[in-house]
């Protein structure tokens, strides 16, 4: 289910930028961290933080393009 969320994030960003999903994936990377929390009633609750980074080789980091703002995300 998480892969679907990330894939839909790329798709929605492409729609908002009026470009292709492949172009978005070449331009930036959706980085994230998620934590599962067990609630007292027995349900599992997830917290997630998404971040947009410039698409760079693995192990390196760069800030996102100017158009990739928190408001857009």
PDB file of N, CA and C in Angstrom:
ATOM      1  N   UNK A   1       0.813  -1.178   0.000  1.00  0.00           N
ATOM      2  CA  UNK A   1       0.000   0.000   0.000  1.00  0.00           C
ATOM      3  C   UNK A   1       0.874   1.266   0.000  1.00  0.00           C
ATOM      4  N   UNK A   2       2.027   1.216   0.647  1.00  0.00           N
ATOM      5  CA  UNK A   2       2.878   2.408   0.697  1.00  0.00           C
ATOM      6  C   UNK A   2       3.436   2.737  -0.677  1.00  0.00           C
ATOM      7  N   UNK A   3       3.811   1.724  -1.466  1.00  0.00           N
ATOM      8  CA  UNK A   3       4.308   1.955  -2.823  1.00  0.00           C
ATOM      9  C   UNK A   3       3.258   2.692  -3.646  1.00  0.00           C
ATOM     10  N   UNK A   4       2.014   2.315  -3.476  1.00  0.00           N
ATOM     11  CA  UNK A   4       0.933   2.981  -4.200  1.00  0.00           C
ATOM     12  C   UNK A   4       0.849   4.463  -3.809  1.00  0.00           C
ATOM     13  N   UNK A   5       1.012   4.758  -2.549  1.00  0.00           N
ATOM     14  CA  UNK A   5       0.978   6.152  -2.087  1.00  0.00           C
ATOM     15  C   UNK A   5       2.092   6.963  -2.744  1.00  0.00           C
ATOM     16  N   UNK A   6       3.295   6.417  -2.769  1.00  0.00           N
ATOM     17  CA  UNK A   6       4.430   7.126  -3.379  1.00  0.00           C
ATOM     18  C   UNK A   6       4.215   7.273  -4.888  1.00  0.00           C
ATOM     19  N   UNK A   7       3.759   6.214  -5.544  1.00  0.00           N
ATOM     20  CA  UNK A   7       3.500   6.287  -6.984  1.00  0.00           C
ATOM     21  C   UNK A   7       2.436   7.343  -7.303  1.00  0.00           C
ATOM     22  N   UNK A   8       1.384   7.392  -6.506  1.00  0.00           N
ATOM     23  CA  UNK A   8       0.339   8.392  -6.723  1.00  0.00           C
ATOM     24  C   UNK A   8       0.840   9.805  -6.443  1.00  0.00           C
ATOM     25  N   UNK A   9       1.801   9.943  -5.540  1.00  0.00           N
ATOM     26  CA  UNK A   9       2.402  11.256  -5.283  1.00  0.00           C
ATOM     27  C   UNK A   9       3.129  11.752  -6.527  1.00  0.00           C
ATOM     28  N   UNK A  10       3.924  10.875  -7.155  1.00  0.00           N
ATOM     29  CA  UNK A  10       4.595  11.252  -8.408  1.00  0.00           C
ATOM     30  C   UNK A  10       3.574  11.607  -9.484  1.00  0.00           C
ATOM     31  N   UNK A  11       2.526  10.804  -9.587  1.00  0.00           N
ATOM     32  CA  UNK A  11       1.506  11.029 -10.618  1.00  0.00           C
ATOM     33  C   UNK A  11       0.798  12.371 -10.403  1.00  0.00           C
ATOM     34  N   UNK A  12       0.477  12.676  -9.151  1.00  0.00           N
ATOM     35  CA  UNK A  12      -0.216  13.934  -8.854  1.00  0.00           C
ATOM     36  C   UNK A  12       0.695  15.137  -9.099  1.00  0.00           C
ATOM     37  N   UNK A  13       1.975  15.019  -8.733  1.00  0.00           N
ATOM     38  CA  UNK A  13       2.924  16.104  -9.000  1.00  0.00           C
ATOM     39  C   UNK A  13       3.040  16.351 -10.498  1.00  0.00           C
ATOM     40  N   UNK A  14       3.052  15.286 -11.286  1.00  0.00           N
ATOM     41  CA  UNK A  14       3.114  15.422 -12.746  1.00  0.00           C
ATOM     42  C   UNK A  14       1.877  16.158 -13.261  1.00  0.00           C
ATOM     43  N   UNK A  15       0.726  15.805 -12.727  1.00  0.00           N
ATOM     44  CA  UNK A  15      -0.514  16.476 -13.118  1.00  0.00           C
ATOM     45  C   UNK A  15      -0.450  17.973 -12.771  1.00  0.00           C
ATOM     46  N   UNK A  16      -0.018  18.284 -11.560  1.00  0.00           N
ATOM     47  CA  UNK A  16       0.053  19.682 -11.130  1.00  0.00           C
ATOM     48  C   UNK A  16       1.059  20.490 -11.929  1.00  0.00           C
ATOM     49  N   UNK A  17       2.129  19.844 -12.382  1.00  0.00           N
ATOM     50  CA  UNK A  17       3.166  20.517 -13.181  1.00  0.00           C
ATOM     51  C   UNK A  17       2.885  20.453 -14.679  1.00  0.00           C
ATOM     52  N   UNK A  18       1.813  19.763 -15.064  1.00  0.00           N
ATOM     53  CA  UNK A  18       1.447  19.581 -16.468  1.00  0.00           C
ATOM     54  C   UNK A  18       2.598  18.983 -17.274  1.00  0.00           C
ATOM     55  N   UNK A  19       3.137  17.877 -16.749  1.00  0.00           N
ATOM     56  CA  UNK A  19       4.227  17.166 -17.398  1.00  0.00           C
ATOM     57  C   UNK A  19       4.022  15.668 -17.194  1.00  0.00           C
ATOM     58  N   UNK A  20       4.948  14.867 -17.670  1.00  0.00           N
ATOM     59  CA  UNK A  20       4.805  13.418 -17.536  1.00  0.00           C
ATOM     60  C   UNK A  20       5.347  12.936 -16.184  1.00  0.00           C
ATOM     61  N   UNK A  21       4.840  11.802 -15.767  1.00  0.00           N
ATOM     62  CA  UNK A  21       5.336  11.199 -14.529  1.00  0.00           C
ATOM     63  C   UNK A  21       6.813  10.837 -14.663  1.00  0.00           C
ATOM     64  N   UNK A  22       7.218  10.365 -15.840  1.00  0.00           N
ATOM     65  CA  UNK A  22       8.624  10.016 -16.067  1.00  0.00           C
ATOM     66  C   UNK A  22       9.522  11.240 -15.910  1.00  0.00           C
ATOM     67  N   UNK A  23       9.058  12.393 -16.379  1.00  0.00           N
ATOM     68  CA  UNK A  23       9.841  13.628 -16.231  1.00  0.00           C
ATOM     69  C   UNK A  23       9.979  14.013 -14.758  1.00  0.00           C
ATOM     70  N   UNK A  24       8.914  13.871 -14.001  1.00  0.00           N
ATOM     71  CA  UNK A  24       8.968  14.169 -12.569  1.00  0.00           C
ATOM     72  C   UNK A  24       9.954  13.236 -11.877  1.00  0.00           C
ATOM     73  N   UNK A  25       9.905  11.949 -12.195  1.00  0.00           N
ATOM     74  CA  UNK A  25      10.810  10.974 -11.566  1.00  0.00           C
ATOM     75  C   UNK A  25      12.272  11.242 -11.914  1.00  0.00           C
ATOM     76  N   UNK A  26      12.535  11.785 -13.114  1.00  0.00           N
ATOM     77  CA  UNK A  26      13.913  12.145 -13.489  1.00  0.00           C
ATOM     78  C   UNK A  26      14.375  13.399 -12.747  1.00  0.00           C
ATOM     79  N   UNK A  27      13.434  14.248 -12.369  1.00  0.00           N
ATOM     80  CA  UNK A  27      13.748  15.544 -11.767  1.00  0.00           C
ATOM     81  C   UNK A  27      13.881  15.486 -10.258  1.00  0.00           C
ATOM     82  N   UNK A  28      12.994  14.742  -9.597  1.00  0.00           N
ATOM     83  CA  UNK A  28      13.037  14.713  -8.142  1.00  0.00           C
ATOM     84  C   UNK A  28      12.716  13.344  -7.582  1.00  0.00           C
ATOM     85  N   UNK A  29      13.001  13.208  -6.307  1.00  0.00           N
ATOM     86  CA  UNK A  29      12.772  11.955  -5.584  1.00  0.00           C
ATOM     87  C   UNK A  29      11.897  12.261  -4.375  1.00  0.00           C
ATOM     88  N   UNK A  30      10.901  11.420  -4.164  1.00  0.00           N
ATOM     89  CA  UNK A  30      10.071  11.531  -2.966  1.00  0.00           C
ATOM     90  C   UNK A  30      10.744  10.699  -1.878  1.00  0.00           C
ATOM     91  N   UNK A  31      11.250  11.371  -0.852  1.00  0.00           N
ATOM     92  CA  UNK A  31      11.864  10.688   0.288  1.00  0.00           C
ATOM     93  C   UNK A  31      10.855  10.676   1.424  1.00  0.00           C
ATOM     94  N   UNK A  32      10.943   9.677   2.266  1.00  0.00           N
ATOM     95  CA  UNK A  32       9.958   9.583   3.334  1.00  0.00           C
ATOM     96  C   UNK A  32      10.484   8.779   4.505  1.00  0.00           C
ATOM     97  N   UNK A  33       9.801   8.958   5.616  1.00  0.00           N
ATOM     98  CA  UNK A  33      10.004   8.116   6.787  1.00  0.00           C
ATOM     99  C   UNK A  33       8.610   7.842   7.334  1.00  0.00           C
ATOM    100  N   UNK A  34       8.398   6.631   7.802  1.00  0.00           N
ATOM    101  CA  UNK A  34       7.099   6.296   8.370  1.00  0.00           C
ATOM    102  C   UNK A  34       7.298   5.505   9.652  1.00  0.00           C
ATOM    103  N   UNK A  35       6.368   5.678  10.561  1.00  0.00           N
ATOM    104  CA  UNK A  35       6.422   5.017  11.859  1.00  0.00           C
ATOM    105  C   UNK A  35       5.044   4.449  12.155  1.00  0.00           C
ATOM    106  N   UNK A  36       4.999   3.203  12.588  1.00  0.00           N
ATOM    107  CA  UNK A  36       3.744   2.577  12.987  1.00  0.00           C
ATOM    108  C   UNK A  36       3.582   2.716  14.494  1.00  0.00           C
ATOM    109  N   UNK A  37       2.395   3.061  14.909  1.00  0.00           N
ATOM    110  CA  UNK A  37       2.098   3.252  16.329  1.00  0.00           C
ATOM    111  C   UNK A  37       0.911   2.351  16.677  1.00  0.00           C
ATOM    112  N   UNK A  38       1.091   1.506  17.682  1.00  0.00           N
ATOM    113  CA  UNK A  38      -0.009   0.659  18.155  1.00  0.00           C
ATOM    114  C   UNK A  38      -0.847   1.469  19.139  1.00  0.00           C
ATOM    115  N   UNK A  39      -2.113   1.607  18.840  1.00  0.00           N
ATOM    116  CA  UNK A  39      -3.007   2.338  19.722  1.00  0.00           C
ATOM    117  C   UNK A  39      -3.549   1.413  20.807  1.00  0.00           C
ATOM    118  N   UNK A  40      -4.059   2.010  21.881  1.00  0.00           N
ATOM    119  CA  UNK A  40      -4.580   1.242  23.023  1.00  0.00           C
ATOM    120  C   UNK A  40      -5.715   0.306  22.606  1.00  0.00           C
ATOM    121  N   UNK A  41      -6.513   0.710  21.605  1.00  0.00           N
ATOM    122  CA  UNK A  41      -7.631  -0.119  21.174  1.00  0.00           C
ATOM    123  C   UNK A  41      -7.201  -1.245  20.231  1.00  0.00           C
ATOM    124  N   UNK A  42      -5.897  -1.332  19.966  1.00  0.00           N
ATOM    125  CA  UNK A  42      -5.367  -2.425  19.148  1.00  0.00           C
ATOM    126  C   UNK A  42      -5.179  -2.091  17.682  1.00  0.00           C
ATOM    127  N   UNK A  43      -5.602  -0.920  17.256  1.00  0.00           N
ATOM    128  CA  UNK A  43      -5.431  -0.514  15.858  1.00  0.00           C
ATOM    129  C   UNK A  43      -4.011  -0.002  15.626  1.00  0.00           C
ATOM    130  N   UNK A  44      -3.541  -0.144  14.411  1.00  0.00           N
ATOM    131  CA  UNK A  44      -2.236   0.387  14.029  1.00  0.00           C
ATOM    132  C   UNK A  44      -2.453   1.725  13.328  1.00  0.00           C
ATOM    133  N   UNK A  45      -1.701   2.720  13.722  1.00  0.00           N
ATOM    134  CA  UNK A  45      -1.794   4.078  13.183  1.00  0.00           C
ATOM    135  C   UNK A  45      -0.425   4.438  12.611  1.00  0.00           C
ATOM    136  N   UNK A  46      -0.400   4.973  11.391  1.00  0.00           N
ATOM    137  CA  UNK A  46       0.867   5.334  10.753  1.00  0.00           C
ATOM    138  C   UNK A  46       1.058   6.843  10.727  1.00  0.00           C
ATOM    139  N   UNK A  47       2.278   7.269  10.978  1.00  0.00           N
ATOM    140  CA  UNK A  47       2.699   8.650  10.798  1.00  0.00           C
ATOM    141  C   UNK A  47       3.721   8.631   9.662  1.00  0.00           C
ATOM    142  N   UNK A  48       3.630   9.594   8.775  1.00  0.00           N
ATOM    143  CA  UNK A  48       4.575   9.653   7.665  1.00  0.00           C
ATOM    144  C   UNK A  48       4.988  11.095   7.415  1.00  0.00           C
ATOM    145  N   UNK A  49       6.250  11.283   7.063  1.00  0.00           N
ATOM    146  CA  UNK A  49       6.772  12.581   6.662  1.00  0.00           C
ATOM    147  C   UNK A  49       7.337  12.408   5.262  1.00  0.00           C
ATOM    148  N   UNK A  50       6.838  13.215   4.324  1.00  0.00           N
ATOM    149  CA  UNK A  50       7.322  13.174   2.946  1.00  0.00           C
ATOM    150  C   UNK A  50       8.211  14.381   2.697  1.00  0.00           C
ATOM    151  N   UNK A  51       9.229  14.164   1.873  1.00  0.00           N
ATOM    152  CA  UNK A  51      10.140  15.253   1.521  1.00  0.00           C
ATOM    153  C   UNK A  51      10.481  15.114   0.051  1.00  0.00           C
ATOM    154  N   UNK A  52      10.586  16.214  -0.650  1.00  0.00           N
ATOM    155  CA  UNK A  52      10.981  16.204  -2.050  1.00  0.00           C
ATOM    156  C   UNK A  52      12.449  16.579  -2.142  1.00  0.00           C
ATOM    157  N   UNK A  53      13.235  15.731  -2.795  1.00  0.00           N
ATOM    158  CA  UNK A  53      14.657  15.970  -3.024  1.00  0.00           C
ATOM    159  C   UNK A  53      14.922  15.973  -4.518  1.00  0.00           C
ATOM    160  N   UNK A  54      15.996  16.624  -4.914  1.00  0.00           N
ATOM    161  CA  UNK A  54      16.417  16.527  -6.308  1.00  0.00           C
ATOM    162  C   UNK A  54      16.857  15.092  -6.575  1.00  0.00           C
ATOM    163  N   UNK A  55      16.527  14.575  -7.741  1.00  0.00           N
ATOM    164  CA  UNK A  55      16.937  13.222  -8.100  1.00  0.00           C
ATOM    165  C   UNK A  55      18.451  13.212  -8.306  1.00  0.00           C
ATOM    166  N   UNK A  56      19.170  12.515  -7.434  1.00  0.00           N
ATOM    167  CA  UNK A  56      20.623  12.426  -7.490  1.00  0.00           C
ATOM    168  C   UNK A  56      21.027  10.962  -7.354  1.00  0.00           C
ATOM    169  N   UNK A  57      22.263  10.623  -7.644  1.00  0.00           N
ATOM    170  CA  UNK A  57      22.703   9.243  -7.435  1.00  0.00           C
ATOM    171  C   UNK A  57      22.532   8.828  -5.972  1.00  0.00           C
ATOM    172  N   UNK A  58      22.350   7.552  -5.767  1.00  0.00           N
ATOM    173  CA  UNK A  58      22.160   7.020  -4.405  1.00  0.00           C
ATOM    174  C   UNK A  58      23.316   7.444  -3.503  1.00  0.00           C
ATOM    175  N   UNK A  59      22.982   7.821  -2.295  1.00  0.00           N
ATOM    176  CA  UNK A  59      24.001   8.211  -1.327  1.00  0.00           C
ATOM    177  C   UNK A  59      24.329   9.688  -1.314  1.00  0.00           C
ATOM    178  N   UNK A  60      23.755  10.447  -2.255  1.00  0.00           N
ATOM    179  CA  UNK A  60      23.974  11.889  -2.267  1.00  0.00           C
ATOM    180  C   UNK A  60      22.639  12.587  -2.062  1.00  0.00           C
ATOM    181  N   UNK A  61      22.697  13.862  -1.702  1.00  0.00           N
ATOM    182  CA  UNK A  61      21.488  14.632  -1.427  1.00  0.00           C
ATOM    183  C   UNK A  61      21.624  16.006  -2.019  1.00  0.00           C
ATOM    184  N   UNK A  62      20.520  16.540  -2.523  1.00  0.00           N
ATOM    185  CA  UNK A  62      20.470  17.913  -3.017  1.00  0.00           C
ATOM    186  C   UNK A  62      19.073  18.457  -2.760  1.00  0.00           C
ATOM    187  N   UNK A  63      18.943  19.752  -2.519  1.00  0.00           N
ATOM    188  CA  UNK A  63      17.611  20.316  -2.298  1.00  0.00           C
ATOM    189  C   UNK A  63      16.742  20.174  -3.550  1.00  0.00           C
ATOM    190  N   UNK A  64      15.439  20.246  -3.383  1.00  0.00           N
ATOM    191  CA  UNK A  64      14.543  20.073  -4.524  1.00  0.00           C
ATOM    192  C   UNK A  64      14.619  21.265  -5.476  1.00  0.00           C
ATOM    193  N   UNK A  65      14.102  21.097  -6.683  1.00  0.00           N
ATOM    194  CA  UNK A  65      14.008  22.243  -7.598  1.00  0.00           C
ATOM    195  C   UNK A  65      13.157  23.346  -6.958  1.00  0.00           C
ATOM    196  N   UNK A  66      13.309  24.563  -7.436  1.00  0.00           N
ATOM    197  CA  UNK A  66      12.591  25.707  -6.865  1.00  0.00           C
ATOM    198  C   UNK A  66      11.073  25.539  -6.891  1.00  0.00           C
ATOM    199  N   UNK A  67      10.553  24.866  -7.890  1.00  0.00           N
ATOM    200  CA  UNK A  67       9.100  24.713  -8.007  1.00  0.00           C
ATOM    201  C   UNK A  67       8.535  23.676  -7.038  1.00  0.00           C
ATOM    202  N   UNK A  68       9.369  22.830  -6.463  1.00  0.00           N
ATOM    203  CA  UNK A  68       8.912  21.753  -5.563  1.00  0.00           C
ATOM    204  C   UNK A  68       8.834  22.279  -4.147  1.00  0.00           C
ATOM    205  N   UNK A  69       7.736  22.911  -3.813  1.00  0.00           N
ATOM    206  CA  UNK A  69       7.569  23.531  -2.505  1.00  0.00           C
ATOM    207  C   UNK A  69       6.719  22.669  -1.577  1.00  0.00           C
ATOM    208  N   UNK A  70       6.722  23.004  -0.323  1.00  0.00           N
ATOM    209  CA  UNK A  70       5.876  22.300   0.639  1.00  0.00           C
ATOM    210  C   UNK A  70       4.409  22.498   0.285  1.00  0.00           C
ATOM    211  N   UNK A  71       4.062  23.667  -0.207  1.00  0.00           N
ATOM    212  CA  UNK A  71       2.685  23.916  -0.616  1.00  0.00           C
ATOM    213  C   UNK A  71       2.250  23.018  -1.751  1.00  0.00           C
ATOM    214  N   UNK A  72       3.128  22.770  -2.691  1.00  0.00           N
ATOM    215  CA  UNK A  72       2.824  21.872  -3.798  1.00  0.00           C
ATOM    216  C   UNK A  72       2.645  20.447  -3.292  1.00  0.00           C
ATOM    217  N   UNK A  73       3.521  20.041  -2.360  1.00  0.00           N
ATOM    218  CA  UNK A  73       3.428  18.689  -1.824  1.00  0.00           C
ATOM    219  C   UNK A  73       2.135  18.513  -1.026  1.00  0.00           C
TER     220      UNK A  73
END
